[in-house]
């Protein structure tokens, strides 16, 4: 489904290039962290990976936390058919991805060969197949979002931790809210220059095996709870930038760091600071949003919260 492509793209971005972050601060010895402050309800912060295998399930301790929460906060309120507002938000984001004014197709802008190559990759996976029908109507920056949603066949966003948490929240009648909206996501992509878009699309096409191997490796480390090694791999640009120009690496490093992590963390923080004093919350965001001084762990600590690693 197109909506799955839009959602999962946001979660996979941090593995596309190295970031100038300290991936080991704070020490990532857990994906689960307890948030506490005197006089306020206890909450939890969970670092997620947005993909899962068909047999992936929520561990019992995480499911219990959902049951005992008053609200589950994921990066976006996932459109699952139960919320008309979430469905409308998703529709608005999808419409922003289309060029309805210039009269040019995506092929006109970036070349028919690139569009055809991307269409063939999307066609290989049932989850992204529907996207092909509107691909040539998209803006170049939207093609980047779509391309980032292509992943190994055995991994699905439908079984990612975020989706599982949303289903568990519905099961236990717990409110599920988003830290941002789907329609916010394109803002990070719209300013991308066309020459960098073309280089990234070519890189992902020519080095697709390298990209899929990295995705599998990162998922395996996440599933094995080997978070220090996952962070070490994330920090090692040699693992996933072979074949990209240094100019391209520098550009994507800066964009990913400032636009995809720092700015989104800054956007989310006011909502967290408004919710945490009032409700028992489970906050679930991609693992990359936890690290560095700009990550949510350190940001919450700077606002007087105790954020401690919890063993599952």
Protein backbone atom coordinates (compact mmCIF):
# COMPACT_ATOMS: atom_id res chain seq x y z
CA UNK A 1 0.00 0.00 0.00
CA UNK A 2 1.12 3.54 -0.77
CA UNK A 3 0.49 4.56 2.84
CA UNK A 4 2.94 1.90 4.02
CA UNK A 5 5.57 3.26 1.62
CA UNK A 6 5.10 6.78 2.95
CA UNK A 7 5.31 5.66 6.57
CA UNK A 8 8.26 3.32 6.38
CA UNK A 9 10.37 5.76 4.36
CA UNK A 10 10.58 8.06 7.35
CA UNK A 11 11.82 5.27 9.55
CA UNK A 12 14.52 3.91 7.26
CA UNK A 13 16.21 7.19 6.44
CA UNK A 14 18.79 7.13 9.17
CA UNK A 15 20.41 4.01 7.72
CA UNK A 16 20.96 5.58 4.32
CA UNK A 17 24.12 7.51 5.24
CA UNK A 18 26.35 8.15 8.21
CA UNK A 19 25.41 10.94 10.59
CA UNK A 20 27.76 13.20 12.52
CA UNK A 21 26.22 12.06 15.78
CA UNK A 22 27.76 10.42 18.79
CA UNK A 23 25.99 7.10 18.37
CA UNK A 24 27.25 5.91 21.76
CA UNK A 25 25.90 8.77 23.89
CA UNK A 26 23.99 7.86 25.91
CA UNK A 27 25.08 4.22 26.05
CA UNK A 28 22.54 2.24 24.04
CA UNK A 29 22.33 -0.83 26.27
CA UNK A 30 18.56 -1.02 25.94
CA UNK A 31 15.76 0.02 23.61
CA UNK A 32 13.38 0.56 26.57
CA UNK A 33 13.74 3.52 28.93
CA UNK A 34 11.66 4.61 31.92
CA UNK A 35 10.77 8.30 32.15
CA UNK A 36 10.09 9.71 35.60
CA UNK A 37 9.84 12.99 37.49
CA UNK A 38 8.60 13.67 41.02
CA UNK A 39 4.85 14.25 41.10
CA UNK A 40 4.27 12.98 37.56
CA UNK A 41 3.11 9.58 36.23
CA UNK A 42 5.78 7.17 35.02
CA UNK A 43 6.11 6.77 31.29
CA UNK A 44 8.31 4.77 28.90
CA UNK A 45 10.37 5.53 25.81
CA UNK A 46 10.87 2.72 23.29
CA UNK A 47 13.38 2.77 20.43
CA UNK A 48 11.89 0.97 17.43
CA UNK A 49 12.83 -0.53 14.09
CA UNK A 50 10.06 0.06 11.58
CA UNK A 51 10.26 -3.35 9.89
CA UNK A 52 9.55 -6.87 11.08
CA UNK A 53 9.26 -10.45 9.87
CA UNK A 54 5.86 -12.13 9.41
CA UNK A 55 6.33 -13.89 12.75
CA UNK A 56 7.47 -10.80 14.68
CA UNK A 57 5.43 -10.16 17.83
CA UNK A 58 5.45 -7.73 20.74
CA UNK A 59 7.32 -9.10 23.78
CA UNK A 60 5.09 -9.59 26.80
CA UNK A 61 6.77 -6.82 28.88
CA UNK A 62 6.10 -4.28 26.11
CA UNK A 63 2.51 -5.41 25.75
CA UNK A 64 2.01 -4.99 29.50
CA UNK A 65 3.32 -1.43 29.28
CA UNK A 66 0.77 -0.72 26.54
CA UNK A 67 -2.01 -2.11 28.76
CA UNK A 68 -0.93 0.10 31.66
CA UNK A 69 -0.55 3.26 29.57
CA UNK A 70 -3.08 6.00 28.98
CA UNK A 71 -1.68 6.91 25.57
CA UNK A 72 0.69 5.38 23.01
CA UNK A 73 2.63 8.01 21.07
CA UNK A 74 4.19 6.90 17.77
CA UNK A 75 5.99 9.11 15.27
CA UNK A 76 2.77 9.55 13.32
CA UNK A 77 -0.80 8.43 14.04
CA UNK A 78 -0.87 5.41 11.77
CA UNK A 79 -3.82 5.27 9.38
CA UNK A 80 -5.42 1.91 10.14
CA UNK A 81 -9.06 2.46 9.22
CA UNK A 82 -10.19 3.32 12.74
CA UNK A 83 -9.52 7.06 12.57
CA UNK A 84 -11.05 9.28 9.85
CA UNK A 85 -8.69 12.07 10.90
CA UNK A 86 -5.61 9.89 10.37
CA UNK A 87 -6.93 8.73 7.00
CA UNK A 88 -7.49 12.32 5.87
CA UNK A 89 -4.02 13.30 7.09
CA UNK A 90 -2.51 10.47 5.04
CA UNK A 91 -4.52 11.45 1.97
CA UNK A 92 -3.30 15.05 2.26
CA UNK A 93 0.31 13.88 2.46
CA UNK A 94 -0.11 11.67 -0.60
CA UNK A 95 -1.62 14.50 -2.61
CA UNK A 96 1.37 16.69 -1.79
CA UNK A 97 3.62 14.14 -3.44
CA UNK A 98 2.01 14.73 -6.86
CA UNK A 99 2.87 17.45 -9.38
CA UNK A 100 -0.46 18.91 -10.48
CA UNK A 101 0.79 22.17 -11.97
CA UNK A 102 3.88 21.92 -14.17
CA UNK A 103 2.49 19.54 -16.78
CA UNK A 104 5.72 17.54 -16.61
CA UNK A 105 6.04 13.92 -15.62
CA UNK A 106 8.64 12.50 -13.28
CA UNK A 107 10.30 10.99 -16.35
CA UNK A 108 10.61 14.47 -17.84
CA UNK A 109 12.38 15.68 -14.71
CA UNK A 110 14.78 12.88 -13.81
CA UNK A 111 14.81 10.61 -16.86
CA UNK A 112 12.58 7.75 -17.95
CA UNK A 113 15.26 5.14 -17.23
CA UNK A 114 15.38 6.06 -13.55
CA UNK A 115 11.61 6.04 -13.27
CA UNK A 116 11.37 2.67 -14.99
CA UNK A 117 14.08 1.19 -12.75
CA UNK A 118 12.29 2.45 -9.63
CA UNK A 119 8.94 1.17 -10.93
CA UNK A 120 10.43 -2.29 -11.45
CA UNK A 121 11.75 -2.37 -7.89
CA UNK A 122 8.40 -1.25 -6.51
CA UNK A 123 6.61 -3.87 -8.61
CA UNK A 124 8.68 -6.64 -6.98
CA UNK A 125 7.01 -6.10 -3.58
CA UNK A 126 3.29 -6.32 -2.96
CA UNK A 127 3.49 -3.59 -0.30
CA UNK A 128 4.81 -1.02 -2.80
CA UNK A 129 3.22 -2.29 -6.03
CA UNK A 130 0.26 0.09 -5.89
CA UNK A 131 2.67 3.06 -5.84
CA UNK A 132 3.71 2.34 -9.44
CA UNK A 133 0.37 3.58 -10.78
CA UNK A 134 1.05 7.16 -9.70
CA UNK A 135 4.83 7.17 -9.78
CA UNK A 136 5.17 9.25 -12.95
CA UNK A 137 2.90 11.93 -11.46
CA UNK A 138 5.18 12.43 -8.45
CA UNK A 139 7.65 15.15 -7.68
CA UNK A 140 11.33 14.10 -7.67
CA UNK A 141 11.56 14.49 -3.88
CA UNK A 142 8.58 12.15 -3.53
CA UNK A 143 10.44 9.54 -5.57
CA UNK A 144 13.14 9.62 -2.89
CA UNK A 145 10.55 8.87 -0.22
CA UNK A 146 9.14 6.02 -2.27
CA UNK A 147 12.57 4.57 -3.07
CA UNK A 148 13.46 4.45 0.61
CA UNK A 149 10.44 2.25 1.24
CA UNK A 150 11.86 -0.58 -0.91
CA UNK A 151 13.21 -3.24 1.45
CA UNK A 152 14.03 -6.96 1.51
CA UNK A 153 11.07 -9.19 0.70
CA UNK A 154 11.08 -10.94 4.07
CA UNK A 155 10.70 -7.70 6.05
CA UNK A 156 7.44 -5.77 6.29
CA UNK A 157 6.40 -2.45 7.82
CA UNK A 158 3.13 -4.12 8.76
CA UNK A 159 5.03 -6.18 11.37
CA UNK A 160 7.26 -3.34 12.52
CA UNK A 161 7.14 -2.47 16.22
CA UNK A 162 5.17 0.71 15.56
CA UNK A 163 2.35 -1.14 13.79
CA UNK A 164 2.29 -3.79 16.48
CA UNK A 165 2.02 -1.12 19.16
CA UNK A 166 -0.84 0.57 17.34
CA UNK A 167 -2.71 -2.72 17.08
CA UNK A 168 -2.08 -3.43 20.77
CA UNK A 169 -3.36 0.03 21.69
CA UNK A 170 -6.56 -0.65 19.74
CA UNK A 171 -6.90 -4.08 21.36
CA UNK A 172 -6.73 -2.62 24.88
CA UNK A 173 -8.65 0.56 24.02
CA UNK A 174 -5.64 2.78 24.69
CA UNK A 175 -5.44 6.13 22.91
CA UNK A 176 -2.91 6.16 20.02
CA UNK A 177 -1.58 9.55 18.94
CA UNK A 178 1.19 10.84 16.70
CA UNK A 179 4.04 13.16 17.56
CA UNK A 180 3.57 14.64 14.09
CA UNK A 181 1.29 14.14 11.12
CA UNK A 182 1.81 12.38 7.81
CA UNK A 183 1.39 15.72 6.08
CA UNK A 184 4.44 17.03 7.98
CA UNK A 185 6.78 14.45 6.43
CA UNK A 186 7.11 16.00 2.92
CA UNK A 187 8.47 19.23 4.42
CA UNK A 188 11.80 17.48 4.97
CA UNK A 189 12.01 16.37 1.32
CA UNK A 190 10.60 19.26 -0.72
CA UNK A 191 13.79 21.41 -0.61
CA UNK A 192 16.04 18.58 -1.86
CA UNK A 193 17.99 19.66 -5.01
CA UNK A 194 17.39 17.60 -8.11
CA UNK A 195 21.06 16.75 -8.69
CA UNK A 196 21.31 15.16 -5.23
CA UNK A 197 18.01 13.33 -5.76
CA UNK A 198 19.30 11.84 -9.00
CA UNK A 199 22.57 10.75 -7.40
CA UNK A 200 20.75 9.05 -4.53
CA UNK A 201 18.30 7.24 -6.83
CA UNK A 202 21.18 6.02 -8.99
CA UNK A 203 23.14 4.96 -5.92
CA UNK A 204 20.22 2.97 -4.53
CA UNK A 205 19.64 1.31 -7.89
CA UNK A 206 23.26 0.35 -8.58
CA UNK A 207 23.99 -0.70 -5.00
CA UNK A 208 20.68 -2.31 -4.12
CA UNK A 209 22.29 -5.51 -2.79
CA UNK A 210 24.47 -3.45 -0.46
CA UNK A 211 21.41 -1.58 0.82
CA UNK A 212 19.32 -4.70 1.38
CA UNK A 213 22.19 -6.47 3.13
CA UNK A 214 22.53 -3.51 5.48
CA UNK A 215 18.80 -3.50 6.24
CA UNK A 216 18.91 -7.21 7.06
CA UNK A 217 21.98 -6.77 9.24
CA UNK A 218 20.49 -3.86 11.17
CA UNK A 219 17.22 -5.70 11.72
CA UNK A 220 19.11 -8.79 12.94
CA UNK A 221 21.03 -6.67 15.46
CA UNK A 222 17.84 -4.99 16.63
CA UNK A 223 16.05 -8.31 16.99
CA UNK A 224 19.02 -9.74 18.92
CA UNK A 225 18.94 -6.72 21.29
CA UNK A 226 22.52 -5.93 20.29
CA UNK A 227 21.98 -2.17 20.39
CA UNK A 228 25.64 -1.16 20.91
CA UNK A 229 26.58 -3.01 17.72
CA UNK A 230 23.57 -1.54 15.92
CA UNK A 231 24.77 1.94 16.85
CA UNK A 232 28.32 1.10 15.81
CA UNK A 233 27.07 -0.06 12.41
CA UNK A 234 24.97 3.08 12.05
CA UNK A 235 28.04 5.22 12.67
CA UNK A 236 30.20 3.35 10.12
CA UNK A 237 29.71 5.12 6.79
CA UNK A 238 31.89 2.58 4.99
CA UNK A 239 29.12 0.02 5.48
CA UNK A 240 26.66 1.81 3.24
CA UNK A 241 28.28 4.64 1.27
CA UNK A 242 30.60 2.73 -1.07
CA UNK A 243 30.04 4.10 -4.55
CA UNK A 244 28.69 7.52 -3.52
CA UNK A 245 30.66 10.70 -4.16
CA UNK A 246 32.15 12.51 -1.17
CA UNK A 247 30.04 15.54 -2.05
CA UNK A 248 26.95 13.36 -1.94
CA UNK A 249 27.93 11.80 1.37
CA UNK A 250 28.52 15.25 2.89
CA UNK A 251 25.18 16.54 1.62
CA UNK A 252 23.12 13.61 2.88
CA UNK A 253 24.93 13.55 6.22
CA UNK A 254 24.01 17.17 6.84
CA UNK A 255 20.43 16.77 5.61
CA UNK A 256 19.77 13.62 7.58
CA UNK A 257 21.28 15.03 10.75
CA UNK A 258 19.59 18.41 10.68
CA UNK A 259 16.29 17.70 8.93
CA UNK A 260 15.46 14.12 9.81
CA UNK A 261 16.71 13.89 13.38
CA UNK A 262 17.42 17.24 15.02
CA UNK A 263 14.44 19.12 13.59
CA UNK A 264 11.98 16.31 14.14
CA UNK A 265 13.14 15.81 17.72
CA UNK A 266 12.69 19.53 18.29
CA UNK A 267 9.20 19.37 16.77
CA UNK A 268 8.22 16.42 18.99
CA UNK A 269 9.59 17.69 22.28
CA UNK A 270 6.84 20.26 23.08
CA UNK A 271 4.16 17.60 22.67
CA UNK A 272 6.05 15.23 24.95
CA UNK A 273 6.48 17.94 27.57
CA UNK A 274 2.74 18.62 27.42
CA UNK A 275 1.70 14.94 27.71
CA UNK A 276 4.17 13.49 30.20
CA UNK A 277 3.07 15.54 33.26
CA UNK A 278 -0.53 14.37 32.77
CA UNK A 279 -0.61 10.82 31.39
CA UNK A 280 1.17 7.48 31.57
CA UNK A 281 2.60 7.33 28.07
CA UNK A 282 4.49 4.86 25.93
CA UNK A 283 6.53 6.87 23.42
CA UNK A 284 7.81 4.84 20.46
CA UNK A 285 10.25 6.35 17.96
CA UNK A 286 13.04 5.04 15.74
CA UNK A 287 16.25 4.13 17.59
CA UNK A 288 18.15 6.95 15.86
CA UNK A 289 15.98 9.50 17.68
CA UNK A 290 17.39 8.40 21.05
CA UNK A 291 21.09 9.03 20.50
CA UNK A 292 23.29 12.12 20.79
CA UNK A 293 22.73 15.33 22.76
CA UNK A 294 19.90 16.19 20.39
CA UNK A 295 18.15 12.83 21.00
CA UNK A 296 15.04 12.47 23.10
CA UNK A 297 16.82 10.82 26.05
CA UNK A 298 19.20 13.74 26.59
CA UNK A 299 16.55 16.33 25.76
CA UNK A 300 14.16 14.94 28.38
CA UNK A 301 16.98 14.79 30.92
CA UNK A 302 17.72 18.44 30.26
CA UNK A 303 14.07 19.17 31.13
CA UNK A 304 14.40 17.54 34.52
CA UNK A 305 13.28 13.99 33.72
CA UNK A 306 15.06 10.89 34.88
CA UNK A 307 15.42 8.59 31.87
CA UNK A 308 16.79 5.17 32.78
CA UNK A 309 17.44 2.04 30.72
CA UNK A 310 15.07 -0.83 31.57
CA UNK A 311 15.74 -4.52 31.01
CA UNK A 312 12.97 -6.35 29.17
